[in-house]
Amino acid sequence: MGKGDKKTRKGKIVMGTYGNSRPGAKNPKSKKEEVKKEEVPAKKE
């Protein structure tokens, strides 16, 4: 059960995959909410 084992957490970290033993991010945008910039109205001359 080392880094080459696809079913273990270490193996999934090395391979860069996700699964039951290493769940991935469910909703990546929920943690970092985008900051909405206030729209500045155009100047009328």
PDB file of N, CA and C in Angstrom:
ATOM      1  N   MET A   1       0.845  -1.193   0.000  1.00  0.00           N
ATOM      2  CA  MET A   1       0.000   0.000   0.000  1.00  0.00           C
ATOM      3  C   MET A   1       0.881   1.243   0.000  1.00  0.00           C
ATOM      4  N   GLY A   2       1.375   1.554  -1.146  1.00  0.00           N
ATOM      5  CA  GLY A   2       2.257   2.709  -1.230  1.00  0.00           C
ATOM      6  C   GLY A   2       1.754   3.721  -2.230  1.00  0.00           C
ATOM      7  N   LYS A   3       2.697   4.437  -2.784  1.00  0.00           N
ATOM      8  CA  LYS A   3       2.342   5.510  -3.721  1.00  0.00           C
ATOM      9  C   LYS A   3       1.814   4.973  -5.045  1.00  0.00           C
ATOM     10  N   GLY A   4       2.090   3.737  -5.351  1.00  0.00           N
ATOM     11  CA  GLY A   4       1.630   3.165  -6.610  1.00  0.00           C
ATOM     12  C   GLY A   4       0.242   2.545  -6.531  1.00  0.00           C
ATOM     13  N   ASP A   5      -0.308   2.445  -5.313  1.00  0.00           N
ATOM     14  CA  ASP A   5      -1.622   1.828  -5.131  1.00  0.00           C
ATOM     15  C   ASP A   5      -2.718   2.830  -5.458  1.00  0.00           C
ATOM     16  N   LYS A   6      -3.465   2.565  -6.516  1.00  0.00           N
ATOM     17  CA  LYS A   6      -4.480   3.510  -6.996  1.00  0.00           C
ATOM     18  C   LYS A   6      -5.650   3.672  -6.034  1.00  0.00           C
ATOM     19  N   LYS A   7      -5.840   2.703  -5.124  1.00  0.00           N
ATOM     20  CA  LYS A   7      -7.017   2.741  -4.252  1.00  0.00           C
ATOM     21  C   LYS A   7      -6.766   3.466  -2.936  1.00  0.00           C
ATOM     22  N   THR A   8      -5.520   3.826  -2.652  1.00  0.00           N
ATOM     23  CA  THR A   8      -5.221   4.504  -1.392  1.00  0.00           C
ATOM     24  C   THR A   8      -5.117   6.005  -1.595  1.00  0.00           C
ATOM     25  N   ARG A   9      -5.189   6.732  -0.482  1.00  0.00           N
ATOM     26  CA  ARG A   9      -5.112   8.199  -0.544  1.00  0.00           C
ATOM     27  C   ARG A   9      -3.772   8.656  -1.115  1.00  0.00           C
ATOM     28  N   LYS A  10      -2.683   8.035  -0.649  1.00  0.00           N
ATOM     29  CA  LYS A  10      -1.351   8.414  -1.154  1.00  0.00           C
ATOM     30  C   LYS A  10      -1.234   8.160  -2.650  1.00  0.00           C
ATOM     31  N   GLY A  11      -1.770   7.045  -3.097  1.00  0.00           N
ATOM     32  CA  GLY A  11      -1.717   6.718  -4.519  1.00  0.00           C
ATOM     33  C   GLY A  11      -2.499   7.715  -5.360  1.00  0.00           C
ATOM     34  N   LYS A  12      -3.647   8.145  -4.836  1.00  0.00           N
ATOM     35  CA  LYS A  12      -4.459   9.109  -5.578  1.00  0.00           C
ATOM     36  C   LYS A  12      -3.800  10.483  -5.610  1.00  0.00           C
ATOM     37  N   ILE A  13      -3.118  10.853  -4.527  1.00  0.00           N
ATOM     38  CA  ILE A  13      -2.399  12.131  -4.500  1.00  0.00           C
ATOM     39  C   ILE A  13      -1.286  12.110  -5.542  1.00  0.00           C
ATOM     40  N   VAL A  14      -0.551  11.008  -5.625  1.00  0.00           N
ATOM     41  CA  VAL A  14       0.546  10.888  -6.585  1.00  0.00           C
ATOM     42  C   VAL A  14       0.011  10.918  -8.016  1.00  0.00           C
ATOM     43  N   MET A  15      -1.113  10.214  -8.242  1.00  0.00           N
ATOM     44  CA  MET A  15      -1.682  10.161  -9.593  1.00  0.00           C
ATOM     45  C   MET A  15      -2.447  11.428  -9.952  1.00  0.00           C
ATOM     46  N   GLY A  16      -2.860  12.167  -8.934  1.00  0.00           N
ATOM     47  CA  GLY A  16      -3.615  13.394  -9.182  1.00  0.00           C
ATOM     48  C   GLY A  16      -5.080  13.132  -9.475  1.00  0.00           C
ATOM     49  N   THR A  17      -5.616  12.036  -8.910  1.00  0.00           N
ATOM     50  CA  THR A  17      -7.017  11.702  -9.141  1.00  0.00           C
ATOM     51  C   THR A  17      -7.799  11.791  -7.839  1.00  0.00           C
ATOM     52  N   TYR A  18      -9.125  11.693  -7.961  1.00  0.00           N
ATOM     53  CA  TYR A  18     -10.003  11.761  -6.801  1.00  0.00           C
ATOM     54  C   TYR A  18     -10.902  10.540  -6.792  1.00  0.00           C
ATOM     55  N   GLY A  19     -11.461  10.235  -5.618  1.00  0.00           N
ATOM     56  CA  GLY A  19     -12.355   9.087  -5.488  1.00  0.00           C
ATOM     57  C   GLY A  19     -12.905   9.018  -4.077  1.00  0.00           C
ATOM     58  N   ASN A  20     -13.349   7.819  -3.674  1.00  0.00           N
ATOM     59  CA  ASN A  20     -13.937   7.656  -2.345  1.00  0.00           C
ATOM     60  C   ASN A  20     -12.922   7.884  -1.236  1.00  0.00           C
ATOM     61  N   SER A  21     -11.697   7.427  -1.429  1.00  0.00           N
ATOM     62  CA  SER A  21     -10.685   7.601  -0.392  1.00  0.00           C
ATOM     63  C   SER A  21     -10.069   8.989  -0.404  1.00  0.00           C
ATOM     64  N   ARG A  22     -10.263   9.727  -1.500  1.00  0.00           N
ATOM     65  CA  ARG A  22      -9.777  11.112  -1.593  1.00  0.00           C
ATOM     66  C   ARG A  22     -10.818  11.938  -2.337  1.00  0.00           C
ATOM     67  N   PRO A  23     -11.833  12.407  -1.605  1.00  0.00           N
ATOM     68  CA  PRO A  23     -12.871  13.186  -2.280  1.00  0.00           C
ATOM     69  C   PRO A  23     -12.344  14.520  -2.773  1.00  0.00           C
ATOM     70  N   GLY A  24     -12.790  14.927  -3.940  1.00  0.00           N
ATOM     71  CA  GLY A  24     -12.381  16.205  -4.504  1.00  0.00           C
ATOM     72  C   GLY A  24     -13.277  17.322  -4.012  1.00  0.00           C
ATOM     73  N   ALA A  25     -13.001  18.529  -4.466  1.00  0.00           N
ATOM     74  CA  ALA A  25     -13.814  19.681  -4.089  1.00  0.00           C
ATOM     75  C   ALA A  25     -15.180  19.560  -4.753  1.00  0.00           C
ATOM     76  N   LYS A  26     -16.241  19.616  -3.945  1.00  0.00           N
ATOM     77  CA  LYS A  26     -17.591  19.479  -4.490  1.00  0.00           C
ATOM     78  C   LYS A  26     -18.002  20.740  -5.226  1.00  0.00           C
ATOM     79  N   ASN A  27     -17.768  21.895  -4.604  1.00  0.00           N
ATOM     80  CA  ASN A  27     -18.163  23.167  -5.198  1.00  0.00           C
ATOM     81  C   ASN A  27     -17.027  24.164  -5.008  1.00  0.00           C
ATOM     82  N   PRO A  28     -16.109  24.267  -5.952  1.00  0.00           N
ATOM     83  CA  PRO A  28     -14.960  25.148  -5.758  1.00  0.00           C
ATOM     84  C   PRO A  28     -15.320  26.623  -5.635  1.00  0.00           C
ATOM     85  N   LYS A  29     -16.447  27.056  -6.224  1.00  0.00           N
ATOM     86  CA  LYS A  29     -16.804  28.470  -6.175  1.00  0.00           C
ATOM     87  C   LYS A  29     -17.477  28.843  -4.862  1.00  0.00           C
ATOM     88  N   SER A  30     -17.938  27.842  -4.089  1.00  0.00           N
ATOM     89  CA  SER A  30     -18.653  28.162  -2.862  1.00  0.00           C
ATOM     90  C   SER A  30     -17.718  28.730  -1.797  1.00  0.00           C
ATOM     91  N   LYS A  31     -16.470  28.303  -1.798  1.00  0.00           N
ATOM     92  CA  LYS A  31     -15.516  28.799  -0.806  1.00  0.00           C
ATOM     93  C   LYS A  31     -15.039  30.198  -1.159  1.00  0.00           C
ATOM     94  N   LYS A  32     -14.724  30.401  -2.412  1.00  0.00           N
ATOM     95  CA  LYS A  32     -14.237  31.710  -2.858  1.00  0.00           C
ATOM     96  C   LYS A  32     -15.326  32.362  -3.694  1.00  0.00           C
ATOM     97  N   GLU A  33     -16.046  33.247  -3.065  1.00  0.00           N
ATOM     98  CA  GLU A  33     -17.076  33.949  -3.817  1.00  0.00           C
ATOM     99  C   GLU A  33     -16.423  35.106  -4.554  1.00  0.00           C
ATOM    100  N   GLU A  34     -16.790  35.240  -5.811  1.00  0.00           N
ATOM    101  CA  GLU A  34     -16.202  36.312  -6.605  1.00  0.00           C
ATOM    102  C   GLU A  34     -16.713  37.656  -6.106  1.00  0.00           C
ATOM    103  N   VAL A  35     -15.805  38.578  -5.954  1.00  0.00           N
ATOM    104  CA  VAL A  35     -16.172  39.908  -5.498  1.00  0.00           C
ATOM    105  C   VAL A  35     -16.676  40.692  -6.703  1.00  0.00           C
ATOM    106  N   LYS A  36     -17.916  41.099  -6.605  1.00  0.00           N
ATOM    107  CA  LYS A  36     -18.503  41.852  -7.716  1.00  0.00           C
ATOM    108  C   LYS A  36     -18.091  43.308  -7.595  1.00  0.00           C
ATOM    109  N   LYS A  37     -17.549  43.832  -8.662  1.00  0.00           N
ATOM    110  CA  LYS A  37     -17.144  45.236  -8.679  1.00  0.00           C
ATOM    111  C   LYS A  37     -18.358  46.090  -8.997  1.00  0.00           C
ATOM    112  N   GLU A  38     -18.445  47.212  -8.313  1.00  0.00           N
ATOM    113  CA  GLU A  38     -19.564  48.111  -8.565  1.00  0.00           C
ATOM    114  C   GLU A  38     -19.359  48.792  -9.913  1.00  0.00           C
ATOM    115  N   GLU A  39     -20.425  48.814 -10.686  1.00  0.00           N
ATOM    116  CA  GLU A  39     -20.338  49.436 -12.003  1.00  0.00           C
ATOM    117  C   GLU A  39     -20.433  50.950 -11.854  1.00  0.00           C
ATOM    118  N   VAL A  40     -19.503  51.650 -12.464  1.00  0.00           N
ATOM    119  CA  VAL A  40     -19.483  53.109 -12.406  1.00  0.00           C
ATOM    120  C   VAL A  40     -20.210  53.628 -13.637  1.00  0.00           C
ATOM    121  N   PRO A  41     -21.236  54.446 -13.446  1.00  0.00           N
ATOM    122  CA  PRO A  41     -21.951  54.967 -14.616  1.00  0.00           C
ATOM    123  C   PRO A  41     -21.052  55.877 -15.445  1.00  0.00           C
ATOM    124  N   ALA A  42     -21.241  55.833 -16.757  1.00  0.00           N
ATOM    125  CA  ALA A  42     -20.427  56.641 -17.663  1.00  0.00           C
ATOM    126  C   ALA A  42     -20.753  58.120 -17.470  1.00  0.00           C
ATOM    127  N   LYS A  43     -19.713  58.941 -17.561  1.00  0.00           N
ATOM    128  CA  LYS A  43     -19.910  60.389 -17.398  1.00  0.00           C
ATOM    129  C   LYS A  43     -20.508  60.971 -18.669  1.00  0.00           C
ATOM    130  N   LYS A  44     -21.513  61.797 -18.487  1.00  0.00           N
ATOM    131  CA  LYS A  44     -22.127  62.466 -19.640  1.00  0.00           C
ATOM    132  C   LYS A  44     -21.574  63.876 -19.727  1.00  0.00           C
ATOM    133  N   GLU A  45     -21.108  64.239 -20.891  1.00  0.00           N
ATOM    134  CA  GLU A  45     -20.536  65.577 -21.068  1.00  0.00           C
ATOM    135  C   GLU A  45     -21.366  66.407 -22.012  1.00  0.00           C
TER     136      GLU A  45
END
